[in-house]
Amino acid sequence: MHFLIIIFFFVVVSGYIWRFAMKEKASILYRGIRSWGKDGAEERLLYILNSYGPILLGPLRWPIPTCYLEGKPEYLYISSTLVRGLCQKAKEEGKEPELSSIVPESVHVDISKVYIKDK
């Protein structure tokens, strides 16, 4: 079975992702991971927070289910830390980040905008 997933926007969320998801009336969380070997421990912790957070911290609601999308093995070296670092370096140098070799061309500009924003 194949699925077509279209991403309409990127958002950087501070705080609990489940609170943002509930506010946006999301019915499922999709999380992109490199692999369970690389990201599994951290993702399990986030899964626990996203599952029990709504019950323990409120608003009292049933947790939103999470679906994980695992990347291709040839992209295991790519992480959000790498992408943020490239964007930050380009910003400091007054250049546009060169991300076309590590992210799809269709989202290159959007990802650059998110990570170059002043905090």
C-alpha atoms as a PDB file:
ATOM      1  CA  MET A   1       0.000   0.000   0.000  1.00  0.00           C
ATOM      2  CA  HIS A   2       1.290   3.490  -0.848  1.00  0.00           C
ATOM      3  CA  PHE A   3       0.241   6.799   0.618  1.00  0.00           C
ATOM      4  CA  LEU A   4       0.665  10.275  -0.772  1.00  0.00           C
ATOM      5  CA  ILE A   5       1.436  12.784   1.945  1.00  0.00           C
ATOM      6  CA  ILE A   6       1.343  16.458   1.095  1.00  0.00           C
ATOM      7  CA  ILE A   7       2.837  18.949   3.516  1.00  0.00           C
ATOM      8  CA  PHE A   8       1.146  22.321   3.327  1.00  0.00           C
ATOM      9  CA  PHE A   9       3.167  24.248   5.879  1.00  0.00           C
ATOM     10  CA  PHE A  10       5.968  23.997   8.375  1.00  0.00           C
ATOM     11  CA  VAL A  11       5.687  25.193  11.902  1.00  0.00           C
ATOM     12  CA  VAL A  12       8.106  25.337  14.782  1.00  0.00           C
ATOM     13  CA  VAL A  13       6.258  24.729  18.022  1.00  0.00           C
ATOM     14  CA  SER A  14       7.451  25.690  21.459  1.00  0.00           C
ATOM     15  CA  GLY A  15       5.905  23.732  24.258  1.00  0.00           C
ATOM     16  CA  TYR A  16       4.086  20.442  23.926  1.00  0.00           C
ATOM     17  CA  ILE A  17       3.307  19.329  20.364  1.00  0.00           C
ATOM     18  CA  TRP A  18       0.145  17.582  21.551  1.00  0.00           C
ATOM     19  CA  ARG A  19      -1.262  20.902  22.800  1.00  0.00           C
ATOM     20  CA  PHE A  20      -0.630  22.467  19.401  1.00  0.00           C
ATOM     21  CA  ALA A  21      -2.141  19.425  17.658  1.00  0.00           C
ATOM     22  CA  MET A  22      -5.261  19.534  19.822  1.00  0.00           C
ATOM     23  CA  LYS A  23      -5.664  23.259  19.220  1.00  0.00           C
ATOM     24  CA  GLU A  24      -5.445  22.598  15.470  1.00  0.00           C
ATOM     25  CA  LYS A  25      -7.911  19.692  15.835  1.00  0.00           C
ATOM     26  CA  ALA A  26      -5.432  17.157  14.452  1.00  0.00           C
ATOM     27  CA  SER A  27      -6.594  13.547  14.444  1.00  0.00           C
ATOM     28  CA  ILE A  28      -3.123  11.992  14.104  1.00  0.00           C
ATOM     29  CA  LEU A  29       0.503  13.067  14.584  1.00  0.00           C
ATOM     30  CA  TYR A  30       2.988  12.146  11.862  1.00  0.00           C
ATOM     31  CA  ARG A  31       6.605  12.110  12.935  1.00  0.00           C
ATOM     32  CA  GLY A  32       9.464  11.769  10.514  1.00  0.00           C
ATOM     33  CA  ILE A  33      12.402   9.789  11.865  1.00  0.00           C
ATOM     34  CA  ARG A  34      15.701   8.694  10.364  1.00  0.00           C
ATOM     35  CA  SER A  35      15.399   5.181  11.769  1.00  0.00           C
ATOM     36  CA  TRP A  36      14.426   3.503  15.015  1.00  0.00           C
ATOM     37  CA  GLY A  37      18.088   2.801  15.612  1.00  0.00           C
ATOM     38  CA  LYS A  38      19.023   6.491  15.319  1.00  0.00           C
ATOM     39  CA  ASP A  39      15.951   8.177  16.801  1.00  0.00           C
ATOM     40  CA  GLY A  40      14.116   5.401  18.644  1.00  0.00           C
ATOM     41  CA  ALA A  41      15.016   6.292  22.238  1.00  0.00           C
ATOM     42  CA  GLU A  42      14.088   9.953  21.851  1.00  0.00           C
ATOM     43  CA  GLU A  43      10.916   9.115  19.948  1.00  0.00           C
ATOM     44  CA  ARG A  44       9.784   6.682  22.637  1.00  0.00           C
ATOM     45  CA  LEU A  45      10.141   9.430  25.237  1.00  0.00           C
ATOM     46  CA  LEU A  46       8.201  11.876  23.051  1.00  0.00           C
ATOM     47  CA  TYR A  47       5.556   9.219  22.479  1.00  0.00           C
ATOM     48  CA  ILE A  48       5.104   8.857  26.239  1.00  0.00           C
ATOM     49  CA  LEU A  49       4.875  12.643  26.664  1.00  0.00           C
ATOM     50  CA  ASN A  50       2.388  12.949  23.795  1.00  0.00           C
ATOM     51  CA  SER A  51       0.328  10.024  25.096  1.00  0.00           C
ATOM     52  CA  TYR A  52       0.160  10.839  28.793  1.00  0.00           C
ATOM     53  CA  GLY A  53       0.527  14.623  28.641  1.00  0.00           C
ATOM     54  CA  PRO A  54      -3.107  15.298  27.754  1.00  0.00           C
ATOM     55  CA  ILE A  55      -4.259  12.974  30.519  1.00  0.00           C
ATOM     56  CA  LEU A  56      -1.907  14.256  33.230  1.00  0.00           C
ATOM     57  CA  LEU A  57      -1.412  17.908  32.282  1.00  0.00           C
ATOM     58  CA  GLY A  58      -4.705  18.675  30.576  1.00  0.00           C
ATOM     59  CA  PRO A  59      -6.840  19.567  28.990  1.00  0.00           C
ATOM     60  CA  LEU A  60      -8.135  16.111  29.837  1.00  0.00           C
ATOM     61  CA  ARG A  61      -8.542  14.451  26.443  1.00  0.00           C
ATOM     62  CA  TRP A  62      -7.714  11.165  24.848  1.00  0.00           C
ATOM     63  CA  PRO A  63      -4.196  11.233  23.324  1.00  0.00           C
ATOM     64  CA  ILE A  64      -3.724  11.793  19.597  1.00  0.00           C
ATOM     65  CA  PRO A  65      -2.256   8.692  17.913  1.00  0.00           C
ATOM     66  CA  THR A  66       1.218   8.936  16.378  1.00  0.00           C
ATOM     67  CA  CYS A  67       2.352   7.445  13.071  1.00  0.00           C
ATOM     68  CA  TYR A  68       6.082   7.284  12.310  1.00  0.00           C
ATOM     69  CA  LEU A  69       7.535   7.783   8.849  1.00  0.00           C
ATOM     70  CA  GLU A  70      10.986   6.240   8.590  1.00  0.00           C
ATOM     71  CA  GLY A  71      13.490   7.698   6.139  1.00  0.00           C
ATOM     72  CA  LYS A  72      15.483   5.832   3.534  1.00  0.00           C
ATOM     73  CA  PRO A  73      18.767   4.360   4.817  1.00  0.00           C
ATOM     74  CA  GLU A  74      20.856   6.513   2.476  1.00  0.00           C
ATOM     75  CA  TYR A  75      19.602   9.617   4.311  1.00  0.00           C
ATOM     76  CA  LEU A  76      20.491   8.499   7.855  1.00  0.00           C
ATOM     77  CA  TYR A  77      23.194  11.180   8.155  1.00  0.00           C
ATOM     78  CA  ILE A  78      20.661  13.980   7.657  1.00  0.00           C
ATOM     79  CA  SER A  79      19.183  15.411  10.844  1.00  0.00           C
ATOM     80  CA  SER A  80      17.316  18.562  11.789  1.00  0.00           C
ATOM     81  CA  THR A  81      20.479  19.606  13.651  1.00  0.00           C
ATOM     82  CA  LEU A  82      22.454  19.415  10.402  1.00  0.00           C
ATOM     83  CA  VAL A  83      19.822  21.408   8.500  1.00  0.00           C
ATOM     84  CA  ARG A  84      19.568  24.068  11.243  1.00  0.00           C
ATOM     85  CA  GLY A  85      23.367  24.350  11.328  1.00  0.00           C
ATOM     86  CA  LEU A  86      23.586  24.875   7.565  1.00  0.00           C
ATOM     87  CA  CYS A  87      20.837  27.495   7.721  1.00  0.00           C
ATOM     88  CA  GLN A  88      22.478  29.310  10.636  1.00  0.00           C
ATOM     89  CA  LYS A  89      25.873  29.328   8.926  1.00  0.00           C
ATOM     90  CA  ALA A  90      24.346  30.711   5.730  1.00  0.00           C
ATOM     91  CA  LYS A  91      22.518  33.397   7.727  1.00  0.00           C
ATOM     92  CA  GLU A  92      25.740  34.461   9.449  1.00  0.00           C
ATOM     93  CA  GLU A  93      27.454  34.669   6.062  1.00  0.00           C
ATOM     94  CA  GLY A  94      24.537  36.602   4.532  1.00  0.00           C
ATOM     95  CA  LYS A  95      23.833  33.844   2.011  1.00  0.00           C
ATOM     96  CA  GLU A  96      20.948  31.584   1.120  1.00  0.00           C
ATOM     97  CA  PRO A  97      21.378  28.101   2.605  1.00  0.00           C
ATOM     98  CA  GLU A  98      22.267  25.358   0.143  1.00  0.00           C
ATOM     99  CA  LEU A  99      19.925  22.545   1.106  1.00  0.00           C
ATOM    100  CA  SER A 100      18.995  21.111  -2.287  1.00  0.00           C
ATOM    101  CA  SER A 101      21.265  18.093  -1.835  1.00  0.00           C
ATOM    102  CA  ILE A 102      19.658  17.054   1.464  1.00  0.00           C
ATOM    103  CA  VAL A 103      15.991  18.112   1.309  1.00  0.00           C
ATOM    104  CA  PRO A 104      13.462  17.882  -1.527  1.00  0.00           C
ATOM    105  CA  GLU A 105      13.431  20.892  -3.836  1.00  0.00           C
ATOM    106  CA  SER A 106       9.692  21.323  -3.215  1.00  0.00           C
ATOM    107  CA  VAL A 107      10.285  22.217   0.467  1.00  0.00           C
ATOM    108  CA  HIS A 108      13.770  23.767   0.284  1.00  0.00           C
ATOM    109  CA  VAL A 109      12.557  27.371   0.524  1.00  0.00           C
ATOM    110  CA  ASP A 110      10.009  26.692   3.286  1.00  0.00           C
ATOM    111  CA  ILE A 111      12.539  24.875   5.456  1.00  0.00           C
ATOM    112  CA  SER A 112      15.063  27.668   4.941  1.00  0.00           C
ATOM    113  CA  LYS A 113      12.517  30.268   6.066  1.00  0.00           C
ATOM    114  CA  VAL A 114      11.624  28.342   9.213  1.00  0.00           C
ATOM    115  CA  TYR A 115      15.219  27.792  10.325  1.00  0.00           C
ATOM    116  CA  ILE A 116      16.564  31.233   9.385  1.00  0.00           C
ATOM    117  CA  LYS A 117      13.941  33.171  11.362  1.00  0.00           C
ATOM    118  CA  ASP A 118      15.285  35.300  14.179  1.00  0.00           C
ATOM    119  CA  LYS A 119      14.393  33.849  17.538  1.00  0.00           C
END
